[in-house]
Structures are given as C-alpha cells and as structure tokens.
Amino acid sequence: MPGRPSPQRYAQAVLDLALSNDTLDEWSKELDQISEVVDDTDFVALLEAPQVPEVVKHQGIETVLADLSQLARNLLSVLVKHHQPRITSQIRDQYQALVDAHRGIARARVVTAVSLKDNQKELLRKQLGNLVNADVLMTEEVNSEIIAGVIARIGDHLIDGSTRTRLQGIRKTLEQPPS
C-alpha cells in the first residue's frame, strides 16, 4: 500500500540502531526469531485479526517474544500497528544484506556442472571477490544441465560462463540470416 514504509526502510532503521548500540549480530538473531514466530499461522492470525484489541496483540508479542530485546518486540508491535507483520522475513533479509555490505561481504550463489574441490572453491571465491571488491561467501549448487563452466549470481550481478549458454549463443548466431 502507498505510504507504508518498505522492508528496506525498516531494515535501515534497525541497522542504524544496531550500529549505534554495537548489536549487529544480536539483531540478526532477533530478526530470525521474529520471522520464525510470524511464520506461525495461528500467531499471525491473532496479530492480523481486526476484532482483537491492540492491547491483546501487544501482550501476545510480549509473551511469545519475552526473550528478545524490548526494541525487537517494539519492531513487531509497530509492524502489527501498521498491518504489516508478514514483512518481517523481508526485513530480516534486507537487514542481512545491509550488514553484509557494512562488513564488506558479498554473497554469491554459484552453479557448477560438477562439485568443486576445496581449492577450486577457494580460487573461485577469490576471483569473484576481486570482481566485486568484497569478501565473498559462496553457496554452491550442482546442476549438470549447464554442461560445464560456472554461473555465479552476486546480488544483481550475473556471471554466466556455462557451456550451455555459450552453445545457445552460437545457435542464435547460426539461426540469424546473413546480412
């Protein structure tokens, strides 16, 4: 809906709080816990029910999330007040991306045709890090359909060095009439 803060804005506000209180990792854990609680369909139904008084919703948050900081519980209360409790996982993901950027870390999803050996993973991680000027944390997926090579996604960047893509490019070139 227009006029509602986006998950990015909430995540930025949480990052600012975490930086000022030196609690980056604590907030990561708390956002994980909040997201997990909001995934419970019964609890989120209570939080979203218009017939349930705000004070009852607030008491539910205080009870279920009693082990979290008051600021973390307040975040969920604000989201409930603005009818947005379901965006907590998006806030968590955005927050993690902001923390990674703050720490100079980039996350890469790498697809290869065969599993890489440890030394190959390390070499690829370093090469990707040089490309994006950051330390890279990689998650690897094996997909034999790419035939050979590597496909890497780092944020909005896609590096496709797969044989399948090269073959598709050759096919397109051959299918075009000569000019």
Foldseek 3Di string as FASTA:
>chain_A
DPPDDDLLVVLVVVLVVCVVVVNLVLVLVLLVVLQVQCVPPVLVCQLQPPVRDLVVNLVVLCVVPVVHDPVSSVVCSVCSVVNHSNCSVVNSVSNVVVVCVVVQEWEKEKEFQDDDDPVVVVVVQVVVCVVVVGRYDYDYDHDNVLVGDMWMDTPPDIDDPGPNVVVVVVVVVVPDDDD
